[in-house]
Every structure is written in structure tokens, then in C-alpha cells.
């Protein structure tokens, strides 16, 4: 299997092979780490460049219903047409879509579960989307649960966490983890990921539950752990086939 970096260098990205769910309104794909979801101000390739693969007979390509950071992998929702995007937008806005993330963090909490209620604001205009904890910022709340503990190859403690955001602030999970003293492994902005030889960001959009219809249960989708996270997950007790 090609790693995300190799996929980008080769230009090969088969999104149809990464499809986790498909119906008349919505597609959910397993986004590879290292890919921005849309083209930034500096240009370059993005996931959107490949959405035409996912038309499946419709006259237009699907469009993003929400965003994931460039270095975050996992469940990404696309709307197949305008009405679908409007519906999905309403569901995301009111927090009706349940989101679950997996993260491997440096160190970790002493407790086995808890909640972080910490408002966030933008750090400064020059740093774009970088965020900070700010009591005068926008409310942000995250529930967390320890799934496993272990040590990395260097002997440093690691913790495998399940994170459930109740709000959708930019970089919420990354800032909340760093503010509690256990930054996400490989985070290049809020952790030690800028160091030479640092691993990629260990944050994965593990699952979604989308209540598309009132008279039916939510559509639940899971994305398997990406290759770059598996070694750390196994060190924290996850099975080799974590998926």
C-alpha cells in the first residue's frame, strides 16, 4: 500500500477505492493523511481535484460537506448535489452528526475519561488558522476516553485516545490536547512534529453517525486506522488489524 506521501508524489489517488459509504445524497470517503481537502492560496494538488471520480452517473462531481485538516485522515463527508449539501450543512451546524476520532498523544491523562471545556480563538491573523485557548473565545467542548496506554520506540509514554468533539472549532482537538499537557503525536503546530524525523500527525477521523432520515437510524461509518498510526496504536494495545 502506498503511504500518503508516496501517493501525492506519484499523483495516484483512487478515491473510488477509498469509498466507505454511498447513497443518493451522500458519499463518505477515507481521506488519506497529507492531502488538503481543497486547494489553498499557494495552489498545489488537493482532494477536490479527484472528486470527478465520484460522480457515479450524476452530471456534477460531489462537494465537501465539511473539512478535515491536511494531516488528518479518515471519514470525510461529501454531498452529491445542492439539496444534499444543504441538508448535511444543517446537520453539521446543529451538531446532529456524531464524530469520533482516534489520537495517539504524548504522555497522557492520569484518568481514564473526561471532558475538556475550553474556549478557543484565533492566535493571530498572520498565522491563519492557528488557534489558542482563550476564555473570551468561542465555546469548545471535547469528551475523551483512554483506549490504551504504552510506550514508543524511544521509551516515551504514549496514550491512545478516543475523542468526541461536541463543537466544531478549527483545530479543536489538537489545541485541547496540547492545553491539557498531552499534545497529539506528530503535531507540527501544537506539538513536537516540527522536529527533524518527527512522525506525521497521529489524528484520525475514526467514525461518523449521520441521521439523514428521521424515520431511520443514523448511518454509521468507520474508517480503518491509517498505516502511519498503526505502530503507535499497537504499542498502546490496539490489535494489528485495527480497523
C-alpha atoms as a PDB file:
ATOM      1  CA  UNK A   1       0.000   0.000   0.000  1.00  0.00           C
ATOM      2  CA  UNK A   2       1.309   3.448  -0.910  1.00  0.00           C
ATOM      3  CA  UNK A   3       1.854   5.830   2.005  1.00  0.00           C
ATOM      4  CA  UNK A   4       0.120   9.227   1.724  1.00  0.00           C
ATOM      5  CA  UNK A   5       3.403  10.994   0.869  1.00  0.00           C
ATOM      6  CA  UNK A   6       4.109   8.495  -1.925  1.00  0.00           C
ATOM      7  CA  UNK A   7       0.572   8.843  -3.294  1.00  0.00           C
ATOM      8  CA  UNK A   8       0.925  12.626  -3.555  1.00  0.00           C
ATOM      9  CA  UNK A   9       4.324  12.367  -5.246  1.00  0.00           C
ATOM     10  CA  UNK A  10       3.056   9.858  -7.785  1.00  0.00           C
ATOM     11  CA  UNK A  11      -0.225  11.690  -8.404  1.00  0.00           C
ATOM     12  CA  UNK A  12      -2.128   8.431  -7.909  1.00  0.00           C
ATOM     13  CA  UNK A  13      -5.295   8.653  -5.838  1.00  0.00           C
ATOM     14  CA  UNK A  14      -8.144   6.209  -6.400  1.00  0.00           C
ATOM     15  CA  UNK A  15     -10.927   7.789  -4.354  1.00  0.00           C
ATOM     16  CA  UNK A  16     -13.445   5.207  -5.509  1.00  0.00           C
ATOM     17  CA  UNK A  17     -11.321   2.547  -3.795  1.00  0.00           C
ATOM     18  CA  UNK A  18     -11.446   4.625  -0.603  1.00  0.00           C
ATOM     19  CA  UNK A  19     -15.238   4.902  -0.589  1.00  0.00           C
ATOM     20  CA  UNK A  20     -16.770   3.923   2.762  1.00  0.00           C
ATOM     21  CA  UNK A  21     -20.430   4.756   2.053  1.00  0.00           C
ATOM     22  CA  UNK A  22     -22.559   5.713  -0.931  1.00  0.00           C
ATOM     23  CA  UNK A  23     -26.235   6.591  -1.267  1.00  0.00           C
ATOM     24  CA  UNK A  24     -28.304   9.049  -3.270  1.00  0.00           C
ATOM     25  CA  UNK A  25     -27.426  12.014  -1.057  1.00  0.00           C
ATOM     26  CA  UNK A  26     -24.032  11.408   0.444  1.00  0.00           C
ATOM     27  CA  UNK A  27     -20.631   9.821  -0.031  1.00  0.00           C
ATOM     28  CA  UNK A  28     -18.150   9.157   2.769  1.00  0.00           C
ATOM     29  CA  UNK A  29     -14.534   8.595   1.769  1.00  0.00           C
ATOM     30  CA  UNK A  30     -11.486   7.570   3.781  1.00  0.00           C
ATOM     31  CA  UNK A  31      -9.299  10.657   3.353  1.00  0.00           C
ATOM     32  CA  UNK A  32      -5.567   9.910   3.294  1.00  0.00           C
ATOM     33  CA  UNK A  33      -3.320  11.936   5.590  1.00  0.00           C
ATOM     34  CA  UNK A  34      -1.191  14.564   3.872  1.00  0.00           C
ATOM     35  CA  UNK A  35      -3.840  15.733   1.414  1.00  0.00           C
ATOM     36  CA  UNK A  36      -5.533  19.143   1.768  1.00  0.00           C
ATOM     37  CA  UNK A  37      -9.243  18.804   1.066  1.00  0.00           C
ATOM     38  CA  UNK A  38      -9.230  21.863  -1.214  1.00  0.00           C
ATOM     39  CA  UNK A  39      -6.636  23.970  -2.983  1.00  0.00           C
ATOM     40  CA  UNK A  40      -5.006  26.591  -0.768  1.00  0.00           C
ATOM     41  CA  UNK A  41      -3.770  30.082  -1.649  1.00  0.00           C
ATOM     42  CA  UNK A  42      -0.416  28.639  -2.724  1.00  0.00           C
ATOM     43  CA  UNK A  43      -2.056  26.184  -5.116  1.00  0.00           C
ATOM     44  CA  UNK A  44      -0.987  22.558  -5.346  1.00  0.00           C
ATOM     45  CA  UNK A  45      -2.959  19.332  -5.635  1.00  0.00           C
ATOM     46  CA  UNK A  46      -5.903  18.650  -3.367  1.00  0.00           C
ATOM     47  CA  UNK A  47      -8.557  16.030  -2.769  1.00  0.00           C
ATOM     48  CA  UNK A  48     -11.135  18.111  -4.645  1.00  0.00           C
ATOM     49  CA  UNK A  49      -9.103  17.645  -7.842  1.00  0.00           C
ATOM     50  CA  UNK A  50     -10.158  13.981  -7.787  1.00  0.00           C
ATOM     51  CA  UNK A  51     -13.868  14.325  -6.954  1.00  0.00           C
ATOM     52  CA  UNK A  52     -14.853  13.775 -10.584  1.00  0.00           C
ATOM     53  CA  UNK A  53     -14.080  10.066  -9.985  1.00  0.00           C
ATOM     54  CA  UNK A  54     -17.112  10.014  -7.661  1.00  0.00           C
ATOM     55  CA  UNK A  55     -19.876  11.302  -9.920  1.00  0.00           C
ATOM     56  CA  UNK A  56     -21.355   7.809 -10.397  1.00  0.00           C
ATOM     57  CA  UNK A  57     -23.606   8.960 -13.240  1.00  0.00           C
ATOM     58  CA  UNK A  58     -24.569  12.373 -11.844  1.00  0.00           C
ATOM     59  CA  UNK A  59     -23.905  15.460 -14.000  1.00  0.00           C
ATOM     60  CA  UNK A  60     -21.672  17.101 -11.393  1.00  0.00           C
ATOM     61  CA  UNK A  61     -18.971  15.955  -9.023  1.00  0.00           C
ATOM     62  CA  UNK A  62     -19.796  15.831  -5.294  1.00  0.00           C
ATOM     63  CA  UNK A  63     -18.653  18.635  -2.996  1.00  0.00           C
ATOM     64  CA  UNK A  64     -17.306  18.920   0.535  1.00  0.00           C
ATOM     65  CA  UNK A  65     -19.921  18.914   3.304  1.00  0.00           C
ATOM     66  CA  UNK A  66     -17.269  19.693   5.960  1.00  0.00           C
ATOM     67  CA  UNK A  67     -13.476  19.850   6.310  1.00  0.00           C
ATOM     68  CA  UNK A  68     -10.615  17.828   7.738  1.00  0.00           C
ATOM     69  CA  UNK A  69      -7.105  19.185   8.290  1.00  0.00           C
ATOM     70  CA  UNK A  70      -4.500  18.290   5.673  1.00  0.00           C
ATOM     71  CA  UNK A  71      -2.682  15.905   8.028  1.00  0.00           C
ATOM     72  CA  UNK A  72      -5.820  14.283   9.483  1.00  0.00           C
ATOM     73  CA  UNK A  73      -7.013  11.008   7.946  1.00  0.00           C
ATOM     74  CA  UNK A  74     -10.387   9.293   7.962  1.00  0.00           C
ATOM     75  CA  UNK A  75     -14.090   9.890   7.401  1.00  0.00           C
ATOM     76  CA  UNK A  76     -14.858  12.799   5.070  1.00  0.00           C
ATOM     77  CA  UNK A  77     -18.440  13.556   4.000  1.00  0.00           C
ATOM     78  CA  UNK A  78     -19.352  14.739   0.506  1.00  0.00           C
ATOM     79  CA  UNK A  79     -22.762  15.895  -0.689  1.00  0.00           C
ATOM     80  CA  UNK A  80     -23.803  14.610  -4.105  1.00  0.00           C
ATOM     81  CA  UNK A  81     -25.895  17.640  -5.118  1.00  0.00           C
ATOM     82  CA  UNK A  82     -27.074  21.022  -3.864  1.00  0.00           C
ATOM     83  CA  UNK A  83     -30.027  19.815  -1.764  1.00  0.00           C
ATOM     84  CA  UNK A  84     -27.868  17.144  -0.155  1.00  0.00           C
ATOM     85  CA  UNK A  85     -25.231  19.734   0.733  1.00  0.00           C
ATOM     86  CA  UNK A  86     -27.885  21.983   2.285  1.00  0.00           C
ATOM     87  CA  UNK A  87     -29.201  19.100   4.421  1.00  0.00           C
ATOM     88  CA  UNK A  88     -25.731  17.990   5.507  1.00  0.00           C
ATOM     89  CA  UNK A  89     -24.766  21.577   6.257  1.00  0.00           C
ATOM     90  CA  UNK A  90     -27.737  21.922   8.612  1.00  0.00           C
ATOM     91  CA  UNK A  91     -26.906  18.648  10.352  1.00  0.00           C
ATOM     92  CA  UNK A  92     -23.277  19.624  10.902  1.00  0.00           C
ATOM     93  CA  UNK A  93     -24.226  23.131  12.051  1.00  0.00           C
ATOM     94  CA  UNK A  94     -26.564  21.923  14.777  1.00  0.00           C
ATOM     95  CA  UNK A  95     -24.227  19.147  15.910  1.00  0.00           C
ATOM     96  CA  UNK A  96     -26.535  16.334  14.866  1.00  0.00           C
ATOM     97  CA  UNK A  97     -23.702  14.363  13.233  1.00  0.00           C
ATOM     98  CA  UNK A  98     -21.736  12.399  15.828  1.00  0.00           C
ATOM     99  CA  UNK A  99     -17.971  12.394  15.187  1.00  0.00           C
ATOM    100  CA  UNK A 100     -15.391  10.076  16.750  1.00  0.00           C
ATOM    101  CA  UNK A 101     -11.631  10.486  16.404  1.00  0.00           C
ATOM    102  CA  UNK A 102      -8.659   8.360  17.363  1.00  0.00           C
ATOM    103  CA  UNK A 103      -5.479  10.061  18.509  1.00  0.00           C
ATOM    104  CA  UNK A 104      -2.162   8.919  19.930  1.00  0.00           C
ATOM    105  CA  UNK A 105      -0.845  11.545  22.323  1.00  0.00           C
ATOM    106  CA  UNK A 106       2.490  12.176  24.005  1.00  0.00           C
ATOM    107  CA  UNK A 107       2.214  11.302  27.678  1.00  0.00           C
ATOM    108  CA  UNK A 108      -1.470  11.224  28.514  1.00  0.00           C
ATOM    109  CA  UNK A 109      -4.058  11.864  31.212  1.00  0.00           C
ATOM    110  CA  UNK A 110      -3.935  10.134  34.581  1.00  0.00           C
ATOM    111  CA  UNK A 111      -7.686   9.472  34.441  1.00  0.00           C
ATOM    112  CA  UNK A 112      -9.427   7.099  32.036  1.00  0.00           C
ATOM    113  CA  UNK A 113     -12.048   9.542  30.740  1.00  0.00           C
ATOM    114  CA  UNK A 114     -13.090  13.137  30.990  1.00  0.00           C
ATOM    115  CA  UNK A 115     -14.171  16.287  29.230  1.00  0.00           C
ATOM    116  CA  UNK A 116     -12.351  19.422  28.109  1.00  0.00           C
ATOM    117  CA  UNK A 117     -14.415  22.621  28.130  1.00  0.00           C
ATOM    118  CA  UNK A 118     -12.048  25.296  26.881  1.00  0.00           C
ATOM    119  CA  UNK A 119     -12.938  28.250  24.639  1.00  0.00           C
ATOM    120  CA  UNK A 120     -10.755  28.909  21.589  1.00  0.00           C
ATOM    121  CA  UNK A 121      -9.826  31.881  19.431  1.00  0.00           C
ATOM    122  CA  UNK A 122      -7.501  32.528  16.516  1.00  0.00           C
ATOM    123  CA  UNK A 123      -3.888  33.077  17.589  1.00  0.00           C
ATOM    124  CA  UNK A 124      -3.289  35.986  15.207  1.00  0.00           C
ATOM    125  CA  UNK A 125      -4.192  36.974  11.655  1.00  0.00           C
ATOM    126  CA  UNK A 126      -0.692  36.296  10.299  1.00  0.00           C
ATOM    127  CA  UNK A 127      -0.811  32.618  11.309  1.00  0.00           C
ATOM    128  CA  UNK A 128      -4.039  31.810   9.502  1.00  0.00           C
ATOM    129  CA  UNK A 129      -5.954  29.031  11.209  1.00  0.00           C
ATOM    130  CA  UNK A 130      -3.643  28.559  14.202  1.00  0.00           C
ATOM    131  CA  UNK A 131      -5.741  28.625  17.368  1.00  0.00           C
ATOM    132  CA  UNK A 132      -5.245  29.154  21.092  1.00  0.00           C
ATOM    133  CA  UNK A 133      -7.099  28.621  24.353  1.00  0.00           C
ATOM    134  CA  UNK A 134      -8.874  31.868  25.200  1.00  0.00           C
ATOM    135  CA  UNK A 135     -11.532  32.349  27.911  1.00  0.00           C
ATOM    136  CA  UNK A 136     -13.042  35.095  25.734  1.00  0.00           C
ATOM    137  CA  UNK A 137     -13.096  32.895  22.627  1.00  0.00           C
ATOM    138  CA  UNK A 138     -15.792  30.674  21.162  1.00  0.00           C
ATOM    139  CA  UNK A 139     -17.051  27.760  23.301  1.00  0.00           C
ATOM    140  CA  UNK A 140     -15.383  24.423  22.549  1.00  0.00           C
ATOM    141  CA  UNK A 141     -16.030  21.104  24.262  1.00  0.00           C
ATOM    142  CA  UNK A 142     -14.449  17.666  23.769  1.00  0.00           C
ATOM    143  CA  UNK A 143     -15.091  14.343  25.528  1.00  0.00           C
ATOM    144  CA  UNK A 144     -12.214  11.886  25.716  1.00  0.00           C
ATOM    145  CA  UNK A 145     -11.666   8.274  26.749  1.00  0.00           C
ATOM    146  CA  UNK A 146      -8.473   6.248  27.092  1.00  0.00           C
ATOM    147  CA  UNK A 147      -8.427   3.184  24.832  1.00  0.00           C
ATOM    148  CA  UNK A 148      -4.897   2.068  25.628  1.00  0.00           C
ATOM    149  CA  UNK A 149      -1.508   3.062  27.021  1.00  0.00           C
ATOM    150  CA  UNK A 150       2.028   2.153  26.041  1.00  0.00           C
ATOM    151  CA  UNK A 151       5.479   3.438  25.156  1.00  0.00           C
ATOM    152  CA  UNK A 152       7.061   4.500  21.897  1.00  0.00           C
ATOM    153  CA  UNK A 153      10.274   3.180  20.372  1.00  0.00           C
ATOM    154  CA  UNK A 154      12.172   5.825  22.348  1.00  0.00           C
ATOM    155  CA  UNK A 155      10.620   4.674  25.624  1.00  0.00           C
ATOM    156  CA  UNK A 156       8.422   7.766  25.996  1.00  0.00           C
ATOM    157  CA  UNK A 157       4.850   7.175  27.234  1.00  0.00           C
ATOM    158  CA  UNK A 158       2.017   7.255  24.716  1.00  0.00           C
ATOM    159  CA  UNK A 159      -1.764   7.091  25.118  1.00  0.00           C
ATOM    160  CA  UNK A 160      -4.390   6.043  22.602  1.00  0.00           C
ATOM    161  CA  UNK A 161      -7.464   8.242  22.994  1.00  0.00           C
ATOM    162  CA  UNK A 162     -10.979   8.311  21.634  1.00  0.00           C
ATOM    163  CA  UNK A 163     -12.009  11.947  21.164  1.00  0.00           C
ATOM    164  CA  UNK A 164     -15.572  13.157  20.634  1.00  0.00           C
ATOM    165  CA  UNK A 165     -15.934  16.847  19.761  1.00  0.00           C
ATOM    166  CA  UNK A 166     -19.260  18.429  20.760  1.00  0.00           C
ATOM    167  CA  UNK A 167     -18.398  21.631  18.899  1.00  0.00           C
ATOM    168  CA  UNK A 168     -16.608  22.099  15.594  1.00  0.00           C
ATOM    169  CA  UNK A 169     -13.905  24.707  16.155  1.00  0.00           C
ATOM    170  CA  UNK A 170     -10.824  24.798  13.937  1.00  0.00           C
ATOM    171  CA  UNK A 171      -8.032  22.597  15.348  1.00  0.00           C
ATOM    172  CA  UNK A 172     -10.207  21.971  18.409  1.00  0.00           C
ATOM    173  CA  UNK A 173      -8.900  18.507  19.261  1.00  0.00           C
ATOM    174  CA  UNK A 174      -5.286  19.470  18.687  1.00  0.00           C
ATOM    175  CA  UNK A 175      -5.449  22.589  20.863  1.00  0.00           C
ATOM    176  CA  UNK A 176      -7.455  20.868  23.607  1.00  0.00           C
ATOM    177  CA  UNK A 177      -4.954  18.004  23.805  1.00  0.00           C
ATOM    178  CA  UNK A 178      -1.977  20.373  23.918  1.00  0.00           C
ATOM    179  CA  UNK A 179      -3.657  22.558  26.554  1.00  0.00           C
ATOM    180  CA  UNK A 180      -4.023  19.521  28.827  1.00  0.00           C
ATOM    181  CA  UNK A 181      -0.328  18.707  28.528  1.00  0.00           C
ATOM    182  CA  UNK A 182      -0.583  15.749  26.160  1.00  0.00           C
ATOM    183  CA  UNK A 183      -0.142  17.027  22.564  1.00  0.00           C
ATOM    184  CA  UNK A 184      -1.041  14.743  19.692  1.00  0.00           C
ATOM    185  CA  UNK A 185       1.961  12.794  18.453  1.00  0.00           C
ATOM    186  CA  UNK A 186       3.492  14.380  15.356  1.00  0.00           C
ATOM    187  CA  UNK A 187       1.517  17.642  15.566  1.00  0.00           C
ATOM    188  CA  UNK A 188       3.631  20.179  13.625  1.00  0.00           C
ATOM    189  CA  UNK A 189       1.795  23.206  15.059  1.00  0.00           C
ATOM    190  CA  UNK A 190       0.872  22.415  18.674  1.00  0.00           C
ATOM    191  CA  UNK A 191       3.297  19.590  19.434  1.00  0.00           C
ATOM    192  CA  UNK A 192       6.770  18.316  18.560  1.00  0.00           C
ATOM    193  CA  UNK A 193       6.004  17.445  14.937  1.00  0.00           C
ATOM    194  CA  UNK A 194       8.276  20.146  13.511  1.00  0.00           C
ATOM    195  CA  UNK A 195      11.411  18.354  14.742  1.00  0.00           C
ATOM    196  CA  UNK A 196      13.594  16.590  12.187  1.00  0.00           C
ATOM    197  CA  UNK A 197      12.467  12.987  11.800  1.00  0.00           C
ATOM    198  CA  UNK A 198       9.177  13.564  13.647  1.00  0.00           C
ATOM    199  CA  UNK A 199       6.277  11.248  12.750  1.00  0.00           C
ATOM    200  CA  UNK A 200       3.176  12.505  10.917  1.00  0.00           C
ATOM    201  CA  UNK A 201       0.181  13.761  12.874  1.00  0.00           C
ATOM    202  CA  UNK A 202      -1.497  10.876  14.707  1.00  0.00           C
ATOM    203  CA  UNK A 203      -5.102  12.080  14.425  1.00  0.00           C
ATOM    204  CA  UNK A 204      -7.731  10.030  12.593  1.00  0.00           C
ATOM    205  CA  UNK A 205     -11.422  10.704  11.956  1.00  0.00           C
ATOM    206  CA  UNK A 206     -12.448   7.214  13.018  1.00  0.00           C
ATOM    207  CA  UNK A 207     -16.229   7.291  12.674  1.00  0.00           C
ATOM    208  CA  UNK A 208     -19.402   9.188  11.879  1.00  0.00           C
ATOM    209  CA  UNK A 209     -23.080   8.702  12.632  1.00  0.00           C
ATOM    210  CA  UNK A 210     -25.239  10.692  10.207  1.00  0.00           C
ATOM    211  CA  UNK A 211     -29.020  10.927  10.840  1.00  0.00           C
ATOM    212  CA  UNK A 212     -30.106  11.510   7.252  1.00  0.00           C
ATOM    213  CA  UNK A 213     -33.737  10.465   7.756  1.00  0.00           C
ATOM    214  CA  UNK A 214     -35.996  10.950  10.767  1.00  0.00           C
ATOM    215  CA  UNK A 215     -37.628   7.536  10.448  1.00  0.00           C
ATOM    216  CA  UNK A 216     -34.404   5.540  10.129  1.00  0.00           C
ATOM    217  CA  UNK A 217     -31.379   5.002  12.399  1.00  0.00           C
ATOM    218  CA  UNK A 218     -28.245   7.065  11.672  1.00  0.00           C
ATOM    219  CA  UNK A 219     -25.857   5.867   9.015  1.00  0.00           C
ATOM    220  CA  UNK A 220     -22.743   4.733  10.887  1.00  0.00           C
ATOM    221  CA  UNK A 221     -19.396   4.522   9.133  1.00  0.00           C
ATOM    222  CA  UNK A 222     -15.904   3.609  10.382  1.00  0.00           C
ATOM    223  CA  UNK A 223     -12.554   4.286   8.700  1.00  0.00           C
ATOM    224  CA  UNK A 224      -9.657   1.876   9.349  1.00  0.00           C
ATOM    225  CA  UNK A 225      -6.550   3.186  11.078  1.00  0.00           C
ATOM    226  CA  UNK A 226      -4.072   4.660   8.571  1.00  0.00           C
ATOM    227  CA  UNK A 227      -0.707   2.949   8.029  1.00  0.00           C
ATOM    228  CA  UNK A 228       1.329   5.702   9.706  1.00  0.00           C
ATOM    229  CA  UNK A 229      -0.570   5.302  13.011  1.00  0.00           C
ATOM    230  CA  UNK A 230      -0.549   1.528  13.330  1.00  0.00           C
ATOM    231  CA  UNK A 231       2.822   1.129  15.049  1.00  0.00           C
ATOM    232  CA  UNK A 232       1.899   3.599  17.808  1.00  0.00           C
ATOM    233  CA  UNK A 233      -1.595   2.138  18.157  1.00  0.00           C
ATOM    234  CA  UNK A 234      -0.185  -1.378  18.549  1.00  0.00           C
ATOM    235  CA  UNK A 235       2.266  -0.056  21.166  1.00  0.00           C
ATOM    236  CA  UNK A 236      -0.822   1.137  23.078  1.00  0.00           C
ATOM    237  CA  UNK A 237      -2.544  -2.246  22.850  1.00  0.00           C
ATOM    238  CA  UNK A 238      -4.541  -1.981  19.630  1.00  0.00           C
ATOM    239  CA  UNK A 239      -4.739  -5.172  17.552  1.00  0.00           C
ATOM    240  CA  UNK A 240      -2.557  -5.321  14.452  1.00  0.00           C
ATOM    241  CA  UNK A 241      -5.700  -5.286  12.322  1.00  0.00           C
ATOM    242  CA  UNK A 242      -7.115  -2.112  13.975  1.00  0.00           C
ATOM    243  CA  UNK A 243      -9.832  -1.037  11.643  1.00  0.00           C
END
